[in-house]
Protein backbone atom coordinates (compact mmCIF):
# COMPACT_ATOMS: atom_id res chain seq x y z
CA VAL A 1 75.04 -86.35 -80.36
CA GLU A 2 73.17 -83.57 -82.14
CA LEU A 3 70.84 -86.10 -83.77
CA ARG A 4 70.06 -87.66 -80.38
CA VAL A 5 69.35 -84.25 -78.87
CA ARG A 6 66.93 -83.42 -81.69
CA SER A 7 65.24 -86.81 -81.43
CA GLN A 8 64.75 -86.48 -77.68
CA ARG A 9 63.39 -82.97 -78.01
CA LEU A 10 60.91 -84.12 -80.66
CA GLU A 11 59.74 -87.08 -78.58
CA CYS A 12 59.23 -84.72 -75.64
CA LEU A 13 57.25 -82.31 -77.84
CA ASN A 14 55.06 -85.17 -79.02
CA ASN A 15 54.37 -86.15 -75.41
CA LEU A 16 53.27 -82.61 -74.62
CA ARG A 17 51.09 -82.51 -77.73
CA GLN A 18 49.39 -85.71 -76.59
CA VAL A 19 48.77 -84.09 -73.22
CA GLY A 20 47.45 -80.99 -74.97
CA GLU A 21 45.11 -82.97 -77.23
CA SER A 22 43.72 -84.81 -74.20
CA VAL A 23 43.21 -81.56 -72.29
CA LEU A 24 41.31 -80.09 -75.24
CA ASN A 25 39.11 -83.20 -75.41
CA TYR A 26 38.49 -82.90 -71.68
CA GLN A 27 37.68 -79.22 -72.11
CA GLY A 28 35.23 -79.98 -74.90
CA ALA A 29 33.39 -82.48 -72.71
CA ASN A 30 33.44 -80.42 -69.49
CA ASN A 31 33.56 -76.81 -70.73
CA ALA A 32 36.59 -76.27 -68.48
CA PHE A 33 40.21 -77.22 -68.07
CA PRO A 34 40.98 -80.06 -65.65
CA PRO A 35 41.41 -78.98 -62.03
CA GLY A 36 44.93 -79.01 -60.62
CA ALA A 37 43.90 -82.05 -58.58
CA ILE A 38 40.68 -84.06 -58.56
CA PRO A 39 38.31 -82.37 -56.07
CA ASN A 40 38.08 -84.22 -52.77
CA ALA A 41 37.11 -82.27 -49.65
CA ALA A 42 38.40 -85.08 -47.44
CA LEU A 43 41.97 -84.79 -48.74
CA ALA A 44 44.68 -82.14 -48.78
CA PRO A 45 45.64 -81.16 -52.36
CA GLU A 46 48.96 -83.00 -52.21
CA LYS A 47 47.08 -86.21 -51.35
CA ARG A 48 44.53 -85.91 -54.15
CA LEU A 49 44.86 -87.47 -57.57
CA SER A 50 46.52 -85.17 -60.08
CA TRP A 51 45.14 -83.47 -63.17
CA LEU A 52 47.14 -85.91 -65.28
CA THR A 53 44.92 -88.75 -64.07
CA THR A 54 41.89 -87.10 -65.71
CA LEU A 55 43.44 -87.41 -69.19
CA PRO A 56 43.48 -91.12 -70.19
CA PRO A 57 39.72 -91.28 -70.98
CA PHE A 58 40.22 -88.33 -73.34
CA MET A 59 43.21 -89.75 -75.22
CA GLU A 60 42.83 -91.03 -78.75
CA GLN A 61 43.04 -94.77 -78.14
CA LYS A 62 45.13 -95.44 -81.25
CA THR A 63 48.42 -96.32 -79.59
CA LYS A 64 49.48 -98.92 -77.06
CA ASN A 65 50.67 -96.17 -74.71
CA ALA A 66 47.22 -94.56 -74.73
CA ARG A 67 45.46 -97.88 -74.18
CA ASP A 68 47.85 -98.72 -71.33
CA ALA A 69 47.14 -95.33 -69.74
CA GLN A 70 43.40 -96.04 -69.96
CA THR A 71 43.92 -99.41 -68.27
CA LEU A 72 45.78 -97.69 -65.43
CA TYR A 73 43.01 -95.10 -65.10
CA GLU A 74 40.43 -97.86 -64.74
CA ARG A 75 42.39 -99.25 -61.78
CA LEU A 76 42.21 -95.95 -59.86
CA ASP A 77 39.75 -95.34 -57.04
CA LEU A 78 38.96 -91.68 -57.63
CA SER A 79 37.62 -91.25 -54.09
CA LEU A 80 40.92 -92.13 -52.42
CA ALA A 81 44.36 -90.54 -52.04
CA TRP A 82 46.94 -91.15 -54.74
CA ASP A 83 49.04 -93.22 -52.33
CA ALA A 84 46.17 -95.23 -50.84
CA ASP A 85 46.15 -99.02 -51.20
CA GLY A 86 45.47 -99.90 -54.83
CA ASN A 87 46.12 -96.41 -56.14
CA ALA A 88 49.74 -96.60 -55.02
CA ALA A 89 50.47 -99.36 -57.52
CA VAL A 90 49.18 -97.16 -60.37
CA ALA A 91 51.36 -94.29 -59.12
CA HIS A 92 54.47 -96.37 -59.74
CA ALA A 93 53.42 -97.82 -63.10
CA ALA A 94 55.09 -96.73 -66.33
CA VAL A 95 53.40 -93.86 -68.17
CA PRO A 96 55.44 -93.03 -71.30
CA PHE A 97 53.42 -89.92 -72.19
CA CYS A 98 54.58 -88.34 -68.92
CA ARG A 99 58.30 -88.90 -69.43
CA CYS A 100 60.93 -86.96 -71.35
CA PRO A 101 63.76 -89.15 -72.71
CA ALA A 102 66.31 -86.39 -72.07
CA HIS A 103 65.98 -86.30 -68.27
CA PRO A 104 69.59 -86.06 -67.03
CA THR A 105 69.31 -88.16 -63.86
CA ASP A 106 66.08 -90.16 -63.92
CA ASP A 107 66.42 -93.95 -63.76
CA PRO A 108 63.29 -95.53 -65.28
CA ARG A 109 63.98 -98.78 -63.46
CA ILE A 110 63.37 -96.96 -60.18
CA THR A 111 61.08 -94.06 -61.02
CA LYS A 112 59.10 -95.32 -64.01
CA GLY A 113 55.90 -93.83 -62.56
CA HIS A 114 57.34 -90.33 -62.28
CA THR A 115 56.14 -87.50 -64.49
CA HIS A 116 58.54 -84.99 -66.03
CA TYR A 117 55.70 -82.64 -66.96
CA VAL A 118 53.97 -80.15 -64.69
CA GLY A 119 51.02 -77.81 -65.14
CA PHE A 120 51.38 -74.10 -64.45
CA ALA A 121 49.66 -72.87 -61.27
CA GLY A 122 50.55 -69.21 -61.81
CA VAL A 123 52.82 -66.66 -60.19
CA GLY A 124 53.73 -66.59 -56.49
CA ARG A 125 53.96 -69.16 -53.75
CA ASP A 126 50.76 -71.16 -53.31
CA ALA A 127 49.48 -69.93 -56.69
CA ALA A 128 47.42 -73.12 -56.97
CA GLU A 129 45.32 -71.88 -54.05
CA LEU A 130 44.46 -68.51 -55.60
CA PRO A 131 40.79 -67.84 -56.38
CA ARG A 132 39.24 -67.35 -59.80
CA GLY A 133 40.11 -64.00 -61.31
CA ASP A 134 43.26 -63.43 -59.29
CA PRO A 135 45.89 -61.80 -61.55
CA GLY A 136 48.53 -64.29 -60.40
CA ALA A 137 46.49 -67.40 -61.16
CA GLY A 138 47.43 -69.88 -63.85
CA ILE A 139 45.32 -72.60 -65.42
CA PHE A 140 45.84 -75.24 -62.73
CA GLY A 141 44.39 -74.46 -59.32
CA TYR A 142 43.20 -76.84 -56.66
CA ASP A 143 39.77 -75.34 -56.06
CA ARG A 144 39.22 -72.98 -59.00
CA VAL A 145 37.70 -73.85 -62.35
CA VAL A 146 39.25 -72.21 -65.41
CA ARG A 147 37.34 -72.02 -68.69
CA GLY A 148 38.58 -71.14 -72.13
CA ALA A 149 36.78 -67.79 -72.03
CA ASP A 150 38.83 -66.84 -68.95
CA LEU A 151 42.07 -66.68 -70.94
CA THR A 152 42.14 -62.94 -71.51
CA ALA A 153 45.19 -63.11 -73.81
CA GLY A 154 43.86 -66.13 -75.68
CA ALA A 155 44.82 -69.80 -75.64
CA THR A 156 47.78 -69.35 -77.99
CA GLN A 157 49.37 -66.84 -75.60
CA THR A 158 48.81 -68.80 -72.37
CA LEU A 159 51.04 -71.63 -71.17
CA LEU A 160 49.46 -74.82 -69.84
CA ALA A 161 52.38 -77.10 -68.96
CA THR A 162 56.08 -77.73 -69.42
CA GLU A 163 58.90 -80.09 -68.50
CA THR A 164 61.04 -80.16 -65.39
CA SER A 165 63.99 -82.19 -64.12
CA ARG A 166 63.54 -81.01 -60.53
CA ASP A 167 61.30 -82.36 -57.76
CA ASN A 168 59.81 -85.04 -59.99
CA GLY A 169 57.28 -87.39 -58.46
CA PRO A 170 54.43 -89.80 -59.27
CA TRP A 171 52.20 -88.84 -62.19
CA THR A 172 49.11 -89.47 -60.07
CA ALA A 173 50.16 -87.23 -57.16
CA GLY A 174 48.62 -83.83 -56.59
CA GLY A 175 50.88 -81.00 -55.50
CA LEU A 176 54.49 -80.31 -56.48
CA PRO A 177 55.07 -83.34 -58.74
CA THR A 178 52.32 -82.24 -61.15
CA VAL A 179 51.48 -78.57 -60.45
CA ARG A 180 54.17 -75.90 -60.21
CA ASP A 181 54.07 -72.19 -59.40
CA LEU A 182 56.56 -69.50 -60.33
CA ASP A 183 58.13 -68.41 -57.06
CA ARG A 184 59.97 -65.15 -57.71
CA ALA A 185 62.51 -66.04 -55.03
CA ASP A 186 63.41 -69.01 -57.26
CA ALA A 187 64.14 -67.00 -60.43
CA PRO A 188 65.59 -67.49 -62.97
CA TYR A 189 63.02 -70.15 -63.68
CA ILE A 190 64.51 -72.11 -66.58
CA GLY A 191 67.59 -74.32 -66.83
CA PRO A 192 69.46 -77.17 -65.12
CA GLY A 193 68.52 -77.29 -61.44
CA ARG A 194 65.80 -74.67 -61.89
CA ALA A 195 62.05 -75.10 -61.41
CA PHE A 196 61.51 -75.71 -65.13
CA GLY A 197 63.56 -77.20 -67.95
CA GLY A 198 66.92 -78.85 -67.44
CA MET A 199 66.28 -81.45 -70.15
CA HIS A 200 67.29 -79.94 -73.46
CA PRO A 201 70.23 -77.63 -74.27
CA HIS A 202 69.40 -73.92 -74.41
CA GLY A 203 65.72 -74.13 -73.51
CA LEU A 204 62.62 -76.16 -72.78
CA ASN A 205 59.48 -77.46 -74.43
CA VAL A 206 56.24 -75.72 -73.46
CA LEU A 207 52.59 -76.62 -74.05
CA ARG A 208 50.11 -73.85 -74.82
CA ALA A 209 46.46 -73.83 -73.85
CA ASP A 210 45.49 -74.28 -77.51
CA GLY A 211 47.22 -77.68 -77.52
CA GLY A 212 50.28 -76.54 -79.45
CA ALA A 213 53.80 -77.26 -78.19
CA ASP A 214 56.99 -75.35 -78.97
CA PHE A 215 60.60 -75.00 -77.90
CA MET A 216 61.32 -71.86 -75.83
CA ALA A 217 64.82 -70.46 -75.35
CA ASP A 218 66.07 -70.39 -71.77
CA ASP A 219 67.06 -66.73 -71.97
CA VAL A 220 63.43 -65.56 -71.97
CA ALA A 221 62.94 -62.80 -69.41
CA PRO A 222 61.46 -64.10 -66.13
CA SER A 223 58.81 -61.36 -66.19
CA PHE A 224 57.66 -62.41 -69.68
CA PHE A 225 57.61 -66.08 -68.66
CA GLU A 226 55.42 -65.12 -65.70
CA THR A 227 53.02 -63.24 -67.95
CA LEU A 228 52.57 -66.25 -70.22
CA THR A 229 51.44 -68.43 -67.29
CA ARG A 230 48.75 -66.05 -66.03
CA VAL A 231 45.12 -66.54 -67.03
CA TRP A 232 43.56 -63.23 -66.03
CA ARG A 233 45.65 -60.42 -67.48
CA GLU A 234 44.90 -56.80 -68.12
CA LYS A 235 43.53 -56.36 -71.61
């Protein structure tokens, strides 16, 4: 059992590192982090394509999983909603880099297109809608652009994404399935049934803005966890 737990945690970490590497490649090409959802003035954020759909072109195409993700990306119509005709099929296609093997309830035969990883929107309800510079804002907002220079505590001290076993949904969908805020009414944040974690005993895997991924204990103070997700902090 212990060996399986370690193996699952490592596979999950490797998934997050692949996400992190792709985000850094995206950042290098665009001088910014991906938006929380692909900009589209005609669509509400929860109908837009997610930030995860921007990553396949920036993956190292050395593995079958990366090549398969690129093939799915090429099938997307970036001007349409994630659940529009054509795009909907991609939303339900298997994406291994988005899935943690330790999910306690997920059935891949039914939800193979679901992502178990979400980007941090920041602190407070509707944090994804906060403007640039707001002290509660995280990296992923719907209409704000975050650049590396904005991270006042540095990339190694700012969280980009993590895992969750709650409210999972399609990897292509904007909104709750792919971008998550820290609602103080929902604290504590980490653990089974909570907004984050619920996969691995005693903690969760987190991805930093520098592309590194680590295991974080679930007894971290909620206030400290909040601080790590905020982009604009007091120096």
